[in-house]
C-alpha atoms as a PDB file:
ATOM      1  CA  MET A   1       0.341  -0.043  -0.044  1.00  0.00           C
ATOM      2  CA  ASP A   2       3.147   2.219   0.490  1.00  0.00           C
ATOM      3  CA  THR A   3       4.075   1.935  -2.642  1.00  0.00           C
ATOM      4  CA  ILE A   4       0.574   2.625  -4.508  1.00  0.00           C
ATOM      5  CA  TRP A   5      -0.110   5.739  -2.121  1.00  0.00           C
ATOM      6  CA  GLU A   6       3.693   6.899  -3.004  1.00  0.00           C
ATOM      7  CA  ALA A   7       2.845   6.681  -6.649  1.00  0.00           C
ATOM      8  CA  LEU A   8      -0.139   8.745  -6.584  1.00  0.00           C
ATOM      9  CA  LEU A   9       1.059  11.427  -4.592  1.00  0.00           C
ATOM     10  CA  ARG A  10       4.500  11.068  -7.330  1.00  0.00           C
ATOM     11  CA  LEU A  11       1.320  11.702 -10.006  1.00  0.00           C
ATOM     12  CA  PHE A  12      -1.382  13.658  -8.646  1.00  0.00           C
ATOM     13  CA  GLY A  13      -0.063  15.105  -5.569  1.00  0.00           C
ATOM     14  CA  GLU A  14      -2.116  15.277  -2.075  1.00  0.00           C
ATOM     15  CA  TYR A  15      -4.951  16.417  -3.920  1.00  0.00           C
ATOM     16  CA  GLY A  16      -5.575  14.158  -6.202  1.00  0.00           C
ATOM     17  CA  ALA A  17      -4.491  11.099  -3.815  1.00  0.00           C
ATOM     18  CA  SER A  18      -6.944  11.874  -0.888  1.00  0.00           C
ATOM     19  CA  LYS A  19     -10.031  11.812  -3.752  1.00  0.00           C
ATOM     20  CA  THR A  20      -9.489   8.615  -5.067  1.00  0.00           C
ATOM     21  CA  SER A  21     -10.327   7.090  -0.780  1.00  0.00           C
ATOM     22  CA  LEU A  22      -7.755   4.146  -1.440  1.00  0.00           C
ATOM     23  CA  THR A  23      -8.429   1.101   1.366  1.00  0.00           C
ATOM     24  CA  LEU A  24      -7.307  -1.833   0.999  1.00  0.00           C
ATOM     25  CA  ILE A  25     -10.005  -4.471   1.137  1.00  0.00           C
ATOM     26  CA  ASP A  26      -7.890  -8.435   1.407  1.00  0.00           C
ATOM     27  CA  TYR A  27      -4.378  -9.191   0.202  1.00  0.00           C
ATOM     28  CA  CYS A  28      -3.015 -13.050   0.055  1.00  0.00           C
ATOM     29  CA  ALA A  29       1.120 -13.138   0.121  1.00  0.00           C
ATOM     30  CA  GLU A  30       0.977 -16.813  -1.172  1.00  0.00           C
ATOM     31  CA  LYS A  31      -0.934 -15.873  -4.739  1.00  0.00           C
ATOM     32  CA  ARG A  32       0.250 -12.192  -4.433  1.00  0.00           C
ATOM     33  CA  PHE A  33      -2.703 -10.589  -5.073  1.00  0.00           C
ATOM     34  CA  ALA A  34      -4.020  -7.695  -3.803  1.00  0.00           C
ATOM     35  CA  ILE A  35      -8.064  -6.439  -3.537  1.00  0.00           C
ATOM     36  CA  ILE A  36      -8.495  -2.757  -3.520  1.00  0.00           C
ATOM     37  CA  ARG A  37     -11.483   0.010  -3.259  1.00  0.00           C
ATOM     38  CA  VAL A  38     -12.002   3.105  -4.730  1.00  0.00           C
ATOM     39  CA  ALA A  39     -13.520   5.523  -5.803  1.00  0.00           C
ATOM     40  CA  HIS A  40     -15.376   5.006  -8.730  1.00  0.00           C
ATOM     41  CA  THR A  41     -15.238   8.188 -10.605  1.00  0.00           C
ATOM     42  CA  GLU A  42     -10.720   7.632  -9.517  1.00  0.00           C
ATOM     43  CA  VAL A  43     -10.045   3.716 -11.143  1.00  0.00           C
ATOM     44  CA  ASP A  44      -8.066   5.405 -14.240  1.00  0.00           C
ATOM     45  CA  LYS A  45      -6.271   7.310 -11.797  1.00  0.00           C
ATOM     46  CA  ILE A  46      -5.582   4.459  -9.421  1.00  0.00           C
ATOM     47  CA  ARG A  47      -4.403   2.533 -12.852  1.00  0.00           C
ATOM     48  CA  ALA A  48      -2.557   5.095 -14.013  1.00  0.00           C
ATOM     49  CA  ALA A  49      -0.481   4.913 -10.779  1.00  0.00           C
ATOM     50  CA  LEU A  50      -0.374   0.816 -10.768  1.00  0.00           C
ATOM     51  CA  ALA A  51       1.358   1.090 -13.857  1.00  0.00           C
ATOM     52  CA  SER A  52       4.032   3.284 -13.035  1.00  0.00           C
ATOM     53  CA  ILE A  53       5.103   1.248 -10.446  1.00  0.00           C
ATOM     54  CA  THR A  54       8.174  -0.480 -11.256  1.00  0.00           C
ATOM     55  CA  LYS A  55      10.044  -2.150  -7.410  1.00  0.00           C
ATOM     56  CA  ILE A  56       8.735  -2.235  -4.572  1.00  0.00           C
ATOM     57  CA  ALA A  57      11.005  -1.385  -1.489  1.00  0.00           C
ATOM     58  CA  THR A  58      14.073  -2.736  -3.668  1.00  0.00           C
ATOM     59  CA  GLU A  59      12.652  -5.998  -5.555  1.00  0.00           C
ATOM     60  CA  PRO A  60      11.410  -4.986  -9.210  1.00  0.00           C
ATOM     61  CA  ALA A  61       7.856  -5.579  -9.381  1.00  0.00           C
ATOM     62  CA  ALA A  62       4.764  -4.854 -12.204  1.00  0.00           C
ATOM     63  CA  ILE A  63       1.776  -4.873 -10.520  1.00  0.00           C
ATOM     64  CA  HIS A  64      -1.404  -5.650 -12.945  1.00  0.00           C
ATOM     65  CA  VAL A  65      -5.117  -5.281 -12.892  1.00  0.00           C
ATOM     66  CA  LEU A  66      -6.678  -8.460 -13.081  1.00  0.00           C
ATOM     67  CA  ALA A  67     -10.530  -7.346 -12.820  1.00  0.00           C
ATOM     68  CA  VAL A  68     -12.235  -4.098 -12.128  1.00  0.00           C
ATOM     69  CA  SER A  69     -16.090  -4.506 -10.231  1.00  0.00           C
ATOM     70  CA  GLY A  70     -18.768  -2.231  -8.807  1.00  0.00           C
ATOM     71  CA  THR A  71     -19.022  -4.591  -5.841  1.00  0.00           C
ATOM     72  CA  LEU A  72     -16.771  -7.097  -3.900  1.00  0.00           C
ATOM     73  CA  ARG A  73     -19.192 -10.149  -4.489  1.00  0.00           C
ATOM     74  CA  ALA A  74     -19.088  -9.696  -8.454  1.00  0.00           C
ATOM     75  CA  LEU A  75     -15.032  -8.817  -7.923  1.00  0.00           C
ATOM     76  CA  ARG A  76     -14.689 -12.385  -5.858  1.00  0.00           C
ATOM     77  CA  LYS A  77     -16.947 -13.961  -8.853  1.00  0.00           C
ATOM     78  CA  LYS A  78     -14.104 -12.503 -11.347  1.00  0.00           C
ATOM     79  CA  ILE A  79     -10.796 -13.651 -10.018  1.00  0.00           C
ATOM     80  CA  LYS A  80     -12.043 -17.159  -9.246  1.00  0.00           C
END
């Protein structure tokens, strides 16, 4: 989450990052995925921030969006 916040702040500043309402819902280290909640009007900003991430801590990384949904129930169906 720290890496995502840093990317948001770097791209959109504090005001832009605060409008996203970014929240971590679920994280699985074994499967290497996370579910995050954002304001529906800010999805494009989050996608841009995620695409700009090239490393987490000191390790090279790439983040990919698997699915976007309006509800958590529908999202969990999509990713299974």
